Amino acid sequence: MSEGNENIRFPSFEHVSMNQGEKEDVYSRLVESMEKKGRKKQRLVPTLLTALLAALFILAGGYLLLNTVMTDQTASREGEVKEVLERIFTGPDDELASLMEQEDRYIEEGNREEYFDLFLSYYKDLFRPYMSPDTIEQYVNESKLSIQVFTYTDGYHLKAEKIDVKLDKKREESYSFTVDVRYEKEGGKRGTVKVSGDMAVDEEGMISSIRYRDEELWGENGLIEKTR
């Protein structure tokens, strides 16, 4: 080292002196500080794990809840489709039978429109919980709801004995169905015809489409032909 540098003095802690008690106090504080940092890390890990588990639980619970809601909704709509099919393929009841028996009188008196209004009103009351009034009128005109009119003309009563309804997974909100329809005429023929098709349900849960297999309903060996 050069002579010029011999006079340079670096800071020194040599002049700092502590007695034994002060040294122990500093040491204790240092240890305490280190322990606190360790405890914070230890608390952080279970906290993160708890948050992660809670998030997973919420996601799983949400999925289960959604799945339950969708299952309940599907079951409810399947039940509604069954009720509609029950009403289409069972009867006529006394009200409809009486109305049909008065058709000729209304026509002879020139009250054809009044008769049709009464006829349509009956079906609107019967299917109002499941379809809009416009849809009901359309399907009455298309003979999709008024099957009993054709069978009762020759005195036959219908009974939906077995109804199977399943969600069609290939078509959104569409339900395929089969109905074992028993037909019977007092003193006449009796038997059973299987009728199948599908129904679609709109976003509001109302039936928006009904389709039958034509051959099972209108064909040579269909329900209508069997009741003639």
C-alpha atoms as a PDB file:
ATOM      1  CA  MET A   1       0.000   0.000   0.000  1.00  0.00           C
ATOM      2  CA  SER A   2       1.409   3.459  -0.877  1.00  0.00           C
ATOM      3  CA  GLU A   3       2.204   5.998   1.779  1.00  0.00           C
ATOM      4  CA  GLY A   4      -0.603   8.183   0.510  1.00  0.00           C
ATOM      5  CA  ASN A   5      -3.111   5.539   1.325  1.00  0.00           C
ATOM      6  CA  GLU A   6      -1.791   4.753   4.776  1.00  0.00           C
ATOM      7  CA  ASN A   7      -3.680   7.652   6.266  1.00  0.00           C
ATOM      8  CA  ILE A   8      -7.074   6.547   4.846  1.00  0.00           C
ATOM      9  CA  ARG A   9      -9.409   5.285   7.566  1.00  0.00           C
ATOM     10  CA  PHE A  10     -12.422   3.027   6.889  1.00  0.00           C
ATOM     11  CA  PRO A  11     -15.394   3.042   9.184  1.00  0.00           C
ATOM     12  CA  SER A  12     -14.902   0.633  11.999  1.00  0.00           C
ATOM     13  CA  PHE A  13     -17.216  -0.886  14.610  1.00  0.00           C
ATOM     14  CA  GLU A  14     -14.377  -1.549  16.946  1.00  0.00           C
ATOM     15  CA  HIS A  15     -15.504   1.282  19.166  1.00  0.00           C
ATOM     16  CA  VAL A  16     -18.989  -0.293  19.576  1.00  0.00           C
ATOM     17  CA  SER A  17     -19.136  -2.327  22.729  1.00  0.00           C
ATOM     18  CA  MET A  18     -22.106  -4.267  24.284  1.00  0.00           C
ATOM     19  CA  ASN A  19     -22.385  -5.961  27.577  1.00  0.00           C
ATOM     20  CA  GLN A  20     -23.617  -9.528  27.825  1.00  0.00           C
ATOM     21  CA  GLY A  21     -27.265  -8.541  28.495  1.00  0.00           C
ATOM     22  CA  GLU A  22     -27.414  -6.282  25.421  1.00  0.00           C
ATOM     23  CA  LYS A  23     -25.923  -9.030  23.258  1.00  0.00           C
ATOM     24  CA  GLU A  24     -28.580 -11.490  24.478  1.00  0.00           C
ATOM     25  CA  ASP A  25     -31.342  -8.933  23.798  1.00  0.00           C
ATOM     26  CA  VAL A  26     -30.181  -8.362  20.221  1.00  0.00           C
ATOM     27  CA  TYR A  27     -29.911 -12.101  19.680  1.00  0.00           C
ATOM     28  CA  SER A  28     -33.432 -12.664  21.034  1.00  0.00           C
ATOM     29  CA  ARG A  29     -34.888 -10.010  18.739  1.00  0.00           C
ATOM     30  CA  LEU A  30     -33.122 -11.481  15.742  1.00  0.00           C
ATOM     31  CA  VAL A  31     -34.439 -14.967  16.524  1.00  0.00           C
ATOM     32  CA  GLU A  32     -37.963 -13.602  17.087  1.00  0.00           C
ATOM     33  CA  SER A  33     -37.889 -11.754  13.748  1.00  0.00           C
ATOM     34  CA  MET A  34     -36.828 -14.901  11.920  1.00  0.00           C
ATOM     35  CA  GLU A  35     -39.542 -16.953  13.639  1.00  0.00           C
ATOM     36  CA  LYS A  36     -42.223 -14.418  12.633  1.00  0.00           C
ATOM     37  CA  LYS A  37     -41.167 -14.631   8.990  1.00  0.00           C
ATOM     38  CA  GLY A  38     -41.310 -18.421   9.209  1.00  0.00           C
ATOM     39  CA  ARG A  39     -44.783 -18.364  10.734  1.00  0.00           C
ATOM     40  CA  LYS A  40     -46.073 -16.026   7.970  1.00  0.00           C
ATOM     41  CA  LYS A  41     -44.886 -18.472   5.323  1.00  0.00           C
ATOM     42  CA  GLN A  42     -46.424 -21.365   7.215  1.00  0.00           C
ATOM     43  CA  ARG A  43     -49.763 -19.543   7.429  1.00  0.00           C
ATOM     44  CA  LEU A  44     -49.690 -18.542   3.751  1.00  0.00           C
ATOM     45  CA  VAL A  45     -49.528 -22.132   2.429  1.00  0.00           C
ATOM     46  CA  PRO A  46     -52.654 -23.466   4.192  1.00  0.00           C
ATOM     47  CA  THR A  47     -54.477 -20.231   3.365  1.00  0.00           C
ATOM     48  CA  LEU A  48     -53.803 -20.723  -0.344  1.00  0.00           C
ATOM     49  CA  LEU A  49     -54.764 -24.385  -0.107  1.00  0.00           C
ATOM     50  CA  THR A  50     -57.995 -23.466   1.677  1.00  0.00           C
ATOM     51  CA  ALA A  51     -58.852 -20.890  -1.005  1.00  0.00           C
ATOM     52  CA  LEU A  52     -58.120 -23.403  -3.764  1.00  0.00           C
ATOM     53  CA  LEU A  53     -60.244 -26.085  -2.125  1.00  0.00           C
ATOM     54  CA  ALA A  54     -63.063 -23.589  -1.604  1.00  0.00           C
ATOM     55  CA  ALA A  55     -62.940 -22.589  -5.274  1.00  0.00           C
ATOM     56  CA  LEU A  56     -63.024 -26.230  -6.363  1.00  0.00           C
ATOM     57  CA  PHE A  57     -65.930 -26.903  -3.998  1.00  0.00           C
ATOM     58  CA  ILE A  58     -67.875 -23.953  -5.381  1.00  0.00           C
ATOM     59  CA  LEU A  59     -67.248 -25.035  -8.972  1.00  0.00           C
ATOM     60  CA  ALA A  60     -68.232 -28.629  -8.203  1.00  0.00           C
ATOM     61  CA  GLY A  61     -71.298 -27.472  -6.276  1.00  0.00           C
ATOM     62  CA  GLY A  62     -72.293 -25.165  -9.106  1.00  0.00           C
ATOM     63  CA  TYR A  63     -71.991 -27.980 -11.611  1.00  0.00           C
ATOM     64  CA  LEU A  64     -74.043 -30.320  -9.438  1.00  0.00           C
ATOM     65  CA  LEU A  65     -76.659 -27.625  -8.891  1.00  0.00           C
ATOM     66  CA  LEU A  66     -76.867 -26.873 -12.617  1.00  0.00           C
ATOM     67  CA  ASN A  67     -77.049 -30.564 -13.428  1.00  0.00           C
ATOM     68  CA  THR A  68     -79.821 -31.030 -10.854  1.00  0.00           C
ATOM     69  CA  VAL A  69     -81.790 -28.080 -12.244  1.00  0.00           C
ATOM     70  CA  MET A  70     -81.461 -29.352 -15.817  1.00  0.00           C
ATOM     71  CA  THR A  71     -82.461 -32.869 -14.766  1.00  0.00           C
ATOM     72  CA  ASP A  72     -85.500 -31.557 -12.904  1.00  0.00           C
ATOM     73  CA  GLN A  73     -86.460 -29.369 -15.858  1.00  0.00           C
ATOM     74  CA  THR A  74     -86.182 -32.288 -18.276  1.00  0.00           C
ATOM     75  CA  ALA A  75     -88.279 -34.501 -15.991  1.00  0.00           C
ATOM     76  CA  SER A  76     -90.877 -31.742 -15.662  1.00  0.00           C
ATOM     77  CA  ARG A  77     -91.155 -31.268 -19.419  1.00  0.00           C
ATOM     78  CA  GLU A  78     -91.325 -34.999 -20.030  1.00  0.00           C
ATOM     79  CA  GLY A  79     -94.229 -35.049 -17.587  1.00  0.00           C
ATOM     80  CA  GLU A  80     -95.973 -32.243 -19.471  1.00  0.00           C
ATOM     81  CA  VAL A  81     -95.547 -34.064 -22.792  1.00  0.00           C
ATOM     82  CA  LYS A  82     -97.113 -37.146 -21.187  1.00  0.00           C
ATOM     83  CA  GLU A  83    -100.071 -35.104 -19.956  1.00  0.00           C
ATOM     84  CA  VAL A  84    -100.661 -33.657 -23.424  1.00  0.00           C
ATOM     85  CA  LEU A  85    -100.552 -37.121 -25.001  1.00  0.00           C
ATOM     86  CA  GLU A  86    -102.910 -38.402 -22.309  1.00  0.00           C
ATOM     87  CA  ARG A  87    -105.427 -35.693 -23.235  1.00  0.00           C
ATOM     88  CA  ILE A  88    -105.060 -36.235 -26.972  1.00  0.00           C
ATOM     89  CA  PHE A  89    -105.494 -40.010 -26.870  1.00  0.00           C
ATOM     90  CA  THR A  90    -108.050 -40.429 -24.060  1.00  0.00           C
ATOM     91  CA  GLY A  91    -111.719 -39.672 -24.547  1.00  0.00           C
ATOM     92  CA  PRO A  92    -113.847 -38.006 -25.621  1.00  0.00           C
ATOM     93  CA  ASP A  93    -115.092 -36.805 -22.255  1.00  0.00           C
ATOM     94  CA  ASP A  94    -118.756 -35.963 -21.723  1.00  0.00           C
ATOM     95  CA  GLU A  95    -118.342 -32.314 -22.722  1.00  0.00           C
ATOM     96  CA  LEU A  96    -116.731 -33.049 -26.069  1.00  0.00           C
ATOM     97  CA  ALA A  97    -119.062 -35.960 -26.801  1.00  0.00           C
ATOM     98  CA  SER A  98    -122.102 -33.759 -26.146  1.00  0.00           C
ATOM     99  CA  LEU A  99    -120.713 -31.005 -28.359  1.00  0.00           C
ATOM    100  CA  MET A 100    -120.031 -33.397 -31.215  1.00  0.00           C
ATOM    101  CA  GLU A 101    -123.510 -34.843 -30.980  1.00  0.00           C
ATOM    102  CA  GLN A 102    -124.931 -31.337 -31.524  1.00  0.00           C
ATOM    103  CA  GLU A 103    -122.876 -30.592 -34.620  1.00  0.00           C
ATOM    104  CA  ASP A 104    -125.632 -31.416 -37.101  1.00  0.00           C
ATOM    105  CA  ARG A 105    -128.099 -29.194 -35.264  1.00  0.00           C
ATOM    106  CA  TYR A 106    -125.749 -26.214 -35.306  1.00  0.00           C
ATOM    107  CA  ILE A 107    -125.102 -26.696 -39.027  1.00  0.00           C
ATOM    108  CA  GLU A 108    -128.809 -27.067 -39.880  1.00  0.00           C
ATOM    109  CA  GLU A 109    -129.558 -23.852 -38.003  1.00  0.00           C
ATOM    110  CA  GLY A 110    -126.832 -22.032 -39.920  1.00  0.00           C
ATOM    111  CA  ASN A 111    -124.611 -21.673 -36.857  1.00  0.00           C
ATOM    112  CA  ARG A 112    -121.538 -23.409 -38.211  1.00  0.00           C
ATOM    113  CA  GLU A 113    -119.202 -20.616 -37.029  1.00  0.00           C
ATOM    114  CA  GLU A 114    -120.717 -20.651 -33.532  1.00  0.00           C
ATOM    115  CA  TYR A 115    -120.199 -24.388 -33.370  1.00  0.00           C
ATOM    116  CA  PHE A 116    -116.577 -24.102 -34.405  1.00  0.00           C
ATOM    117  CA  ASP A 117    -115.983 -21.386 -31.801  1.00  0.00           C
ATOM    118  CA  LEU A 118    -117.373 -23.675 -29.100  1.00  0.00           C
ATOM    119  CA  PHE A 119    -115.331 -26.558 -30.445  1.00  0.00           C
ATOM    120  CA  LEU A 120    -112.141 -24.483 -30.468  1.00  0.00           C
ATOM    121  CA  SER A 121    -112.874 -23.048 -27.027  1.00  0.00           C
ATOM    122  CA  TYR A 122    -113.054 -26.587 -25.629  1.00  0.00           C
ATOM    123  CA  TYR A 123    -109.575 -27.391 -26.909  1.00  0.00           C
ATOM    124  CA  LYS A 124    -108.122 -24.093 -25.771  1.00  0.00           C
ATOM    125  CA  ASP A 125    -109.339 -24.778 -22.246  1.00  0.00           C
ATOM    126  CA  LEU A 126    -107.969 -28.314 -22.398  1.00  0.00           C
ATOM    127  CA  PHE A 127    -104.477 -27.439 -23.632  1.00  0.00           C
ATOM    128  CA  ARG A 128    -104.012 -23.873 -22.406  1.00  0.00           C
ATOM    129  CA  PRO A 129    -101.390 -24.821 -19.765  1.00  0.00           C
ATOM    130  CA  TYR A 130     -99.174 -26.401 -22.424  1.00  0.00           C
ATOM    131  CA  MET A 131     -99.536 -24.346 -25.618  1.00  0.00           C
ATOM    132  CA  SER A 132    -100.301 -20.849 -26.774  1.00  0.00           C
ATOM    133  CA  PRO A 133    -103.855 -20.179 -28.062  1.00  0.00           C
ATOM    134  CA  ASP A 134    -102.538 -19.667 -31.600  1.00  0.00           C
ATOM    135  CA  THR A 135    -100.711 -22.997 -31.529  1.00  0.00           C
ATOM    136  CA  ILE A 136    -103.824 -24.754 -30.222  1.00  0.00           C
ATOM    137  CA  GLU A 137    -105.975 -23.307 -33.018  1.00  0.00           C
ATOM    138  CA  GLN A 138    -103.396 -24.300 -35.620  1.00  0.00           C
ATOM    139  CA  TYR A 139    -103.180 -27.877 -34.359  1.00  0.00           C
ATOM    140  CA  VAL A 140    -106.939 -28.249 -34.084  1.00  0.00           C
ATOM    141  CA  ASN A 141    -107.206 -27.189 -37.735  1.00  0.00           C
ATOM    142  CA  GLU A 142    -104.439 -29.658 -38.623  1.00  0.00           C
ATOM    143  CA  SER A 143    -106.186 -32.465 -36.667  1.00  0.00           C
ATOM    144  CA  LYS A 144    -103.175 -32.954 -34.379  1.00  0.00           C
ATOM    145  CA  LEU A 145    -105.161 -32.421 -31.185  1.00  0.00           C
ATOM    146  CA  SER A 146    -108.623 -33.485 -32.293  1.00  0.00           C
ATOM    147  CA  ILE A 147    -107.908 -37.178 -32.970  1.00  0.00           C
ATOM    148  CA  GLN A 148    -110.966 -38.167 -30.915  1.00  0.00           C
ATOM    149  CA  VAL A 149    -113.257 -36.406 -33.397  1.00  0.00           C
ATOM    150  CA  PHE A 150    -112.412 -38.996 -36.055  1.00  0.00           C
ATOM    151  CA  THR A 151    -112.698 -42.020 -33.764  1.00  0.00           C
ATOM    152  CA  TYR A 152    -115.874 -40.929 -31.955  1.00  0.00           C
ATOM    153  CA  THR A 153    -117.672 -40.383 -35.258  1.00  0.00           C
ATOM    154  CA  ASP A 154    -118.069 -44.168 -35.332  1.00  0.00           C
ATOM    155  CA  GLY A 155    -118.638 -44.434 -31.579  1.00  0.00           C
ATOM    156  CA  TYR A 156    -115.130 -45.371 -30.434  1.00  0.00           C
ATOM    157  CA  HIS A 157    -113.569 -44.252 -27.174  1.00  0.00           C
ATOM    158  CA  LEU A 158    -109.810 -44.029 -26.747  1.00  0.00           C
ATOM    159  CA  LYS A 159    -107.537 -44.645 -23.789  1.00  0.00           C
ATOM    160  CA  ALA A 160    -103.807 -43.897 -23.589  1.00  0.00           C
ATOM    161  CA  GLU A 161    -102.670 -46.994 -21.691  1.00  0.00           C
ATOM    162  CA  LYS A 162     -98.891 -46.649 -21.827  1.00  0.00           C
ATOM    163  CA  ILE A 163     -96.880 -43.538 -22.626  1.00  0.00           C
ATOM    164  CA  ASP A 164     -93.085 -43.428 -22.988  1.00  0.00           C
ATOM    165  CA  VAL A 165     -91.321 -40.085 -23.392  1.00  0.00           C
ATOM    166  CA  LYS A 166     -87.583 -39.507 -23.808  1.00  0.00           C
ATOM    167  CA  LEU A 167     -85.436 -36.460 -24.434  1.00  0.00           C
ATOM    168  CA  ASP A 168     -84.031 -36.543 -27.957  1.00  0.00           C
ATOM    169  CA  LYS A 169     -80.317 -35.775 -27.454  1.00  0.00           C
ATOM    170  CA  LYS A 170     -79.821 -35.048 -31.140  1.00  0.00           C
ATOM    171  CA  ARG A 171     -82.455 -32.294 -31.236  1.00  0.00           C
ATOM    172  CA  GLU A 172     -82.506 -29.553 -28.633  1.00  0.00           C
ATOM    173  CA  GLU A 173     -85.663 -29.485 -26.478  1.00  0.00           C
ATOM    174  CA  SER A 174     -87.311 -32.253 -28.497  1.00  0.00           C
ATOM    175  CA  TYR A 175     -88.973 -35.290 -26.924  1.00  0.00           C
ATOM    176  CA  SER A 176     -89.721 -38.534 -28.721  1.00  0.00           C
ATOM    177  CA  PHE A 177     -92.743 -40.529 -27.595  1.00  0.00           C
ATOM    178  CA  THR A 178     -94.708 -43.712 -28.071  1.00  0.00           C
ATOM    179  CA  VAL A 179     -98.297 -44.215 -26.918  1.00  0.00           C
ATOM    180  CA  ASP A 180    -100.208 -47.475 -26.701  1.00  0.00           C
ATOM    181  CA  VAL A 181    -103.718 -46.297 -27.606  1.00  0.00           C
ATOM    182  CA  ARG A 182    -106.591 -48.615 -26.788  1.00  0.00           C
ATOM    183  CA  TYR A 183    -109.749 -48.192 -28.861  1.00  0.00           C
ATOM    184  CA  GLU A 184    -113.079 -49.686 -27.925  1.00  0.00           C
ATOM    185  CA  LYS A 185    -116.662 -49.462 -29.112  1.00  0.00           C
ATOM    186  CA  GLU A 186    -119.600 -50.732 -27.109  1.00  0.00           C
ATOM    187  CA  GLY A 187    -120.704 -53.912 -28.814  1.00  0.00           C
ATOM    188  CA  GLY A 188    -117.964 -53.449 -31.394  1.00  0.00           C
ATOM    189  CA  LYS A 189    -114.270 -53.895 -32.014  1.00  0.00           C
ATOM    190  CA  ARG A 190    -111.524 -53.256 -29.542  1.00  0.00           C
ATOM    191  CA  GLY A 191    -107.760 -53.293 -29.798  1.00  0.00           C
ATOM    192  CA  THR A 192    -104.535 -51.359 -29.319  1.00  0.00           C
ATOM    193  CA  VAL A 193    -102.430 -49.308 -31.732  1.00  0.00           C
ATOM    194  CA  LYS A 194     -98.980 -47.911 -31.033  1.00  0.00           C
ATOM    195  CA  VAL A 195     -98.597 -44.267 -32.089  1.00  0.00           C
ATOM    196  CA  SER A 196     -95.194 -42.581 -32.032  1.00  0.00           C
ATOM    197  CA  GLY A 197     -93.725 -39.196 -32.886  1.00  0.00           C
ATOM    198  CA  ASP A 198     -92.050 -36.244 -31.244  1.00  0.00           C
ATOM    199  CA  MET A 199     -92.834 -32.918 -29.586  1.00  0.00           C
ATOM    200  CA  ALA A 200     -90.663 -29.820 -29.342  1.00  0.00           C
ATOM    201  CA  VAL A 201     -90.731 -27.349 -26.453  1.00  0.00           C
ATOM    202  CA  ASP A 202     -89.810 -23.658 -26.766  1.00  0.00           C
ATOM    203  CA  GLU A 203     -87.744 -21.507 -24.371  1.00  0.00           C
ATOM    204  CA  GLU A 204     -90.826 -20.734 -22.284  1.00  0.00           C
ATOM    205  CA  GLY A 205     -91.603 -24.420 -21.827  1.00  0.00           C
ATOM    206  CA  MET A 206     -94.600 -24.354 -24.193  1.00  0.00           C
ATOM    207  CA  ILE A 207     -95.091 -27.091 -26.790  1.00  0.00           C
ATOM    208  CA  SER A 208     -94.296 -25.647 -30.196  1.00  0.00           C
ATOM    209  CA  SER A 209     -94.341 -28.699 -32.454  1.00  0.00           C
ATOM    210  CA  ILE A 210     -96.152 -32.054 -32.664  1.00  0.00           C
ATOM    211  CA  ARG A 211     -95.376 -34.727 -35.236  1.00  0.00           C
ATOM    212  CA  TYR A 212     -96.808 -38.224 -35.589  1.00  0.00           C
ATOM    213  CA  ARG A 213     -95.773 -41.147 -37.750  1.00  0.00           C
ATOM    214  CA  ASP A 214     -98.474 -40.877 -40.380  1.00  0.00           C
ATOM    215  CA  GLU A 215     -98.739 -44.615 -41.046  1.00  0.00           C
ATOM    216  CA  GLU A 216     -99.478 -45.317 -37.371  1.00  0.00           C
ATOM    217  CA  LEU A 217    -102.244 -42.741 -37.235  1.00  0.00           C
ATOM    218  CA  TRP A 218    -103.644 -42.402 -40.749  1.00  0.00           C
ATOM    219  CA  GLY A 219    -102.248 -45.446 -42.551  1.00  0.00           C
ATOM    220  CA  GLU A 220    -104.007 -48.604 -43.609  1.00  0.00           C
ATOM    221  CA  ASN A 221    -103.386 -50.228 -40.242  1.00  0.00           C
ATOM    222  CA  GLY A 222    -103.363 -46.976 -38.305  1.00  0.00           C
ATOM    223  CA  LEU A 223    -105.619 -45.845 -35.456  1.00  0.00           C
ATOM    224  CA  ILE A 224    -108.140 -43.951 -37.580  1.00  0.00           C
ATOM    225  CA  GLU A 225    -108.613 -46.878 -39.982  1.00  0.00           C
ATOM    226  CA  LYS A 226    -109.005 -49.317 -37.082  1.00  0.00           C
ATOM    227  CA  THR A 227    -111.902 -47.303 -35.668  1.00  0.00           C
ATOM    228  CA  ARG A 228    -114.002 -47.247 -38.827  1.00  0.00           C
END
